[in-house]
Amino acid sequence: MTDNQKILDLTYEAGAILLENGAEISRVEGTMRRMAEHFGMEDESFFVLSNGIIVTNEGYARSKFIPIKGASLDRVVAVNQLSREVAAGQCTLEQIEDRLKQIRAMKPKRASEQILASAVGSAAFCILFGGGFTDCLASFIAGLVLWVFVLFVGSKHLSRIVSTVTGGALSSLICFGLYRIGLGSHLSNMIIGAIIPLIPGVAFTNGIRDMANEDYLAGTTRLLDAMLTFFCIAFGVALAFMLDGNIFG
């Protein structure tokens, strides 16, 4: 493998890690170009979509389909830091390769940390929307149970759409149950807080940023994906309302 091919392979891997973990298109393209240009690759051709990367050069071509998934911003930050060090001339090709392997091998947050973050986030948003202490406690419980379901059932045994609909219904039903036994006095605030962990905030924001950067295809794709998730959450909450109405009137 020539040095040029290795440079393109490394820039390709950096871009793939960014795209897989929720970075916007302009950041992916900018990082890849910055790394390649540092090593004198001025004729490279990078084409980045919301779910794929194509890299071409004289005698070199590589492409990869990258499905839309969740965001892992710690990996995005790590690749951004690496690209800045590369642009400053602080890394050799071997060091870049080792760093990318380390970033790729970064482990996600422990399940207990994710569950706690979901519960605390649900409680915090309940307060922001005007909920009281008991409403906050109910959202905390609902958010905790919701993420246990997402981690151990939804992400392993259900499709993304079914998991989101079921998660929205489950968190809402928990809020209904707690409201019925007297824990919480503002049901709407409880439900809003409980479903917050399901909201695709990064995908929605990046879709808008891509549109603002005139990358209409990628922006439309990400916004459509985010809107589908919003619809699934709303449908799940509506199912919970219908079930509660049929049971309690």
Protein backbone atom coordinates (compact mmCIF):
# COMPACT_ATOMS: atom_id res chain seq x y z
CA MET A 1 0.00 0.00 0.00
CA THR A 2 1.36 3.42 -0.99
CA ASP A 3 1.42 6.37 1.39
CA ASN A 4 -1.35 8.09 -0.62
CA GLN A 5 -3.60 5.07 -0.28
CA LYS A 6 -2.92 4.87 3.43
CA ILE A 7 -3.70 8.57 3.84
CA LEU A 8 -7.01 8.13 2.05
CA ASP A 9 -7.79 5.03 4.10
CA LEU A 10 -7.19 6.91 7.33
CA THR A 11 -9.23 9.95 6.28
CA TYR A 12 -11.97 7.59 5.17
CA GLU A 13 -11.97 5.82 8.55
CA ALA A 14 -12.09 9.16 10.40
CA GLY A 15 -15.07 10.27 8.32
CA ALA A 16 -16.85 6.94 8.81
CA ILE A 17 -16.49 7.17 12.60
CA LEU A 18 -17.89 10.70 12.58
CA LEU A 19 -20.85 9.82 10.37
CA GLU A 20 -21.67 6.65 12.32
CA ASN A 21 -21.82 8.61 15.56
CA GLY A 22 -24.05 11.49 14.58
CA ALA A 23 -21.78 14.22 13.15
CA GLU A 24 -23.25 16.56 10.54
CA ILE A 25 -22.18 16.25 6.89
CA SER A 26 -20.14 19.47 6.79
CA ARG A 27 -18.10 18.35 9.82
CA VAL A 28 -17.38 14.97 8.22
CA GLU A 29 -16.27 16.49 4.91
CA GLY A 30 -14.25 19.23 6.60
CA THR A 31 -12.41 16.78 8.85
CA MET A 32 -11.57 14.46 5.95
CA ARG A 33 -10.30 17.30 3.75
CA ARG A 34 -8.27 18.85 6.56
CA MET A 35 -6.50 15.58 7.29
CA ALA A 36 -5.85 14.79 3.61
CA GLU A 37 -4.60 18.28 2.74
CA HIS A 38 -2.10 18.19 5.59
CA PHE A 39 -0.37 15.31 3.83
CA GLY A 40 -0.47 17.04 0.44
CA MET A 41 -3.50 15.24 -0.99
CA GLU A 42 -5.08 18.12 -2.89
CA ASP A 43 -6.85 16.16 -5.63
CA GLU A 44 -8.89 13.91 -3.40
CA SER A 45 -12.62 13.62 -3.93
CA PHE A 46 -14.88 13.07 -0.91
CA PHE A 47 -18.62 12.66 -1.28
CA VAL A 48 -20.55 12.28 1.96
CA LEU A 49 -24.24 11.44 2.28
CA SER A 50 -26.32 11.03 5.40
CA ASN A 51 -25.82 7.27 5.22
CA GLY A 52 -22.67 6.72 3.18
CA ILE A 53 -19.20 7.91 2.17
CA ILE A 54 -17.50 7.72 -1.23
CA VAL A 55 -13.77 8.45 -1.63
CA THR A 56 -12.11 8.47 -5.05
CA ASN A 57 -8.66 9.36 -6.32
CA GLU A 58 -6.35 8.22 -9.09
CA GLY A 59 -6.28 4.44 -8.79
CA TYR A 60 -8.28 4.54 -5.53
CA ALA A 61 -11.99 4.17 -4.85
CA ARG A 62 -13.84 3.20 -1.71
CA SER A 63 -17.41 3.47 -0.52
CA LYS A 64 -19.41 2.31 2.46
CA PHE A 65 -23.06 2.29 3.46
CA ILE A 66 -23.50 3.70 6.96
CA PRO A 67 -27.02 3.30 8.37
CA ILE A 68 -28.50 6.09 10.45
CA LYS A 69 -28.02 5.26 14.13
CA GLY A 70 -27.84 7.09 17.41
CA ALA A 71 -25.22 9.63 18.43
CA SER A 72 -22.02 8.99 20.37
CA LEU A 73 -20.59 12.46 20.78
CA ASP A 74 -17.54 11.32 22.75
CA ARG A 75 -16.23 9.63 19.61
CA VAL A 76 -17.04 12.71 17.52
CA VAL A 77 -15.08 14.87 19.96
CA ALA A 78 -12.15 12.43 19.89
CA VAL A 79 -11.94 12.45 16.07
CA ASN A 80 -12.21 16.25 15.99
CA GLN A 81 -9.34 16.53 18.45
CA LEU A 82 -7.29 14.10 16.37
CA SER A 83 -7.91 16.11 13.18
CA ARG A 84 -6.72 19.29 14.90
CA GLU A 85 -3.53 17.53 16.02
CA VAL A 86 -3.00 16.21 12.48
CA ALA A 87 -3.42 19.70 11.01
CA ALA A 88 -0.87 20.97 13.55
CA GLY A 89 1.64 18.34 12.41
CA GLN A 90 1.66 16.47 15.69
CA CYS A 91 0.83 12.98 14.36
CA THR A 92 2.41 10.50 11.98
CA LEU A 93 0.39 8.11 9.84
CA GLU A 94 1.08 5.28 12.28
CA GLN A 95 -0.04 7.37 15.23
CA ILE A 96 -3.22 8.38 13.40
CA GLU A 97 -3.99 4.74 12.64
CA ASP A 98 -3.50 3.76 16.28
CA ARG A 99 -5.66 6.64 17.53
CA LEU A 100 -8.47 5.78 15.13
CA LYS A 101 -8.40 2.17 16.30
CA GLN A 102 -8.61 3.37 19.90
CA ILE A 103 -11.53 5.66 19.08
CA ARG A 104 -13.31 2.88 17.20
CA ALA A 105 -12.84 0.60 20.24
CA MET A 106 -14.22 3.14 22.74
CA LYS A 107 -16.87 1.47 24.83
CA PRO A 108 -20.30 3.05 25.29
CA LYS A 109 -21.40 4.28 28.68
CA ARG A 110 -22.29 1.55 31.15
CA ALA A 111 -25.93 0.52 31.22
CA SER A 112 -26.32 1.83 34.77
CA GLU A 113 -25.02 5.26 33.72
CA GLN A 114 -27.36 5.40 30.71
CA ILE A 115 -30.36 4.42 32.85
CA LEU A 116 -29.52 7.01 35.50
CA ALA A 117 -29.00 9.69 32.85
CA SER A 118 -32.40 8.88 31.32
CA ALA A 119 -34.10 9.13 34.70
CA VAL A 120 -32.39 12.38 35.67
CA GLY A 121 -33.02 13.90 32.24
CA SER A 122 -36.72 13.02 32.42
CA ALA A 123 -37.01 14.59 35.87
CA ALA A 124 -35.12 17.71 34.82
CA PHE A 125 -37.29 18.34 31.77
CA CYS A 126 -40.41 17.79 33.84
CA ILE A 127 -39.26 20.62 36.10
CA LEU A 128 -38.42 22.83 33.09
CA PHE A 129 -41.95 22.43 31.78
CA GLY A 130 -43.48 23.44 35.11
CA GLY A 131 -43.84 20.18 37.00
CA GLY A 132 -43.69 19.99 40.78
CA PHE A 133 -41.62 17.73 43.00
CA THR A 134 -43.99 14.76 42.82
CA ASP A 135 -44.31 15.19 39.04
CA CYS A 136 -40.52 15.21 38.83
CA LEU A 137 -40.32 12.01 40.88
CA ALA A 138 -42.88 10.29 38.64
CA SER A 139 -40.96 11.29 35.50
CA PHE A 140 -37.76 10.04 37.12
CA ILE A 141 -39.31 6.60 37.65
CA ALA A 142 -40.82 6.52 34.16
CA GLY A 143 -37.56 7.59 32.52
CA LEU A 144 -35.64 4.95 34.45
CA VAL A 145 -38.00 2.12 33.45
CA LEU A 146 -38.14 3.39 29.87
CA TRP A 147 -34.37 3.14 29.37
CA VAL A 148 -34.23 -0.30 30.97
CA PHE A 149 -36.75 -1.33 28.31
CA VAL A 150 -34.78 0.38 25.50
CA LEU A 151 -31.47 -1.21 26.49
CA PHE A 152 -32.57 -4.75 27.22
CA VAL A 153 -35.65 -5.22 25.05
CA GLY A 154 -36.13 -2.54 22.41
CA SER A 155 -32.61 -2.36 20.99
CA LYS A 156 -32.12 -6.15 21.00
CA HIS A 157 -35.44 -7.68 20.02
CA LEU A 158 -37.55 -5.01 18.30
CA SER A 159 -37.26 -2.86 15.22
CA ARG A 160 -36.54 0.82 15.77
CA ILE A 161 -40.10 1.90 14.93
CA VAL A 162 -41.75 -0.70 17.15
CA SER A 163 -39.29 0.04 19.96
CA THR A 164 -40.02 3.77 19.81
CA VAL A 165 -43.80 3.32 19.72
CA THR A 166 -43.66 0.83 22.59
CA GLY A 167 -41.31 3.03 24.58
CA GLY A 168 -43.60 6.04 24.21
CA ALA A 169 -46.61 3.97 25.29
CA LEU A 170 -44.75 2.36 28.20
CA SER A 171 -43.45 5.61 29.67
CA SER A 172 -46.88 7.22 29.33
CA LEU A 173 -48.65 4.26 30.97
CA ILE A 174 -46.23 4.43 33.88
CA CYS A 175 -47.08 8.10 34.29
CA PHE A 176 -50.80 7.28 34.13
CA GLY A 177 -50.38 4.59 36.78
CA LEU A 178 -48.40 6.84 39.12
CA TYR A 179 -50.92 9.66 38.57
CA ARG A 180 -53.79 7.31 39.45
CA ILE A 181 -52.19 6.34 42.78
CA GLY A 182 -51.58 9.99 43.67
CA LEU A 183 -47.92 10.47 42.74
CA GLY A 184 -47.93 13.63 40.66
CA SER A 185 -50.52 16.29 39.99
CA HIS A 186 -49.73 17.47 36.44
CA LEU A 187 -50.03 14.51 34.10
CA SER A 188 -48.97 16.39 30.97
CA ASN A 189 -45.70 17.54 32.54
CA MET A 190 -45.02 14.03 33.80
CA ILE A 191 -45.46 12.53 30.32
CA ILE A 192 -43.40 15.25 28.62
CA GLY A 193 -40.50 14.56 30.96
CA ALA A 194 -40.84 10.80 30.61
CA ILE A 195 -40.61 10.70 26.80
CA ILE A 196 -37.67 13.12 26.52
CA PRO A 197 -35.02 10.33 26.35
CA LEU A 198 -36.63 9.13 23.11
CA ILE A 199 -36.38 12.51 21.38
CA PRO A 200 -33.77 12.47 18.53
CA GLY A 201 -32.36 15.90 19.32
CA VAL A 202 -28.97 15.42 17.64
CA ALA A 203 -30.48 14.06 14.40
CA PHE A 204 -33.03 16.89 14.24
CA THR A 205 -30.42 19.58 14.92
CA ASN A 206 -27.95 18.14 12.40
CA GLY A 207 -30.69 17.94 9.79
CA ILE A 208 -31.34 21.65 10.18
CA ARG A 209 -27.60 22.41 10.07
CA ASP A 210 -27.19 20.35 6.90
CA MET A 211 -30.07 22.25 5.30
CA ALA A 212 -28.49 25.54 6.37
CA ASN A 213 -25.22 24.41 4.75
CA GLU A 214 -27.15 23.80 1.49
CA ASP A 215 -26.76 20.03 1.81
CA TYR A 216 -30.44 19.51 1.11
CA LEU A 217 -30.37 15.78 0.43
CA ALA A 218 -28.66 14.86 3.72
CA GLY A 219 -30.67 17.46 5.65
CA THR A 220 -33.96 16.17 4.29
CA THR A 221 -33.02 12.57 5.08
CA ARG A 222 -32.09 13.35 8.67
CA LEU A 223 -35.12 15.55 9.25
CA LEU A 224 -37.38 12.85 7.82
CA ASP A 225 -35.80 10.28 10.12
CA ALA A 226 -36.27 12.59 13.12
CA MET A 227 -39.87 13.36 12.16
CA LEU A 228 -40.62 9.65 11.87
CA THR A 229 -39.32 9.18 15.41
CA PHE A 230 -41.48 12.08 16.63
CA PHE A 231 -44.50 10.46 15.01
CA CYS A 232 -43.73 7.09 16.61
CA ILE A 233 -43.42 8.69 20.06
CA ALA A 234 -46.71 10.57 19.59
CA PHE A 235 -48.41 7.41 18.40
CA GLY A 236 -47.18 5.53 21.47
CA VAL A 237 -48.46 8.27 23.80
CA ALA A 238 -51.80 8.28 21.97
CA LEU A 239 -52.09 4.51 22.45
CA ALA A 240 -51.50 4.99 26.17
CA PHE A 241 -54.27 7.63 26.32
CA MET A 242 -56.65 5.32 24.47
CA LEU A 243 -55.85 2.39 26.77
CA ASP A 244 -56.28 4.52 29.88
CA GLY A 245 -59.56 5.89 28.54
CA ASN A 246 -60.92 2.44 27.80
CA ILE A 247 -60.00 1.19 31.26
CA PHE A 248 -60.92 4.15 33.47
CA GLY A 249 -63.28 6.06 31.21
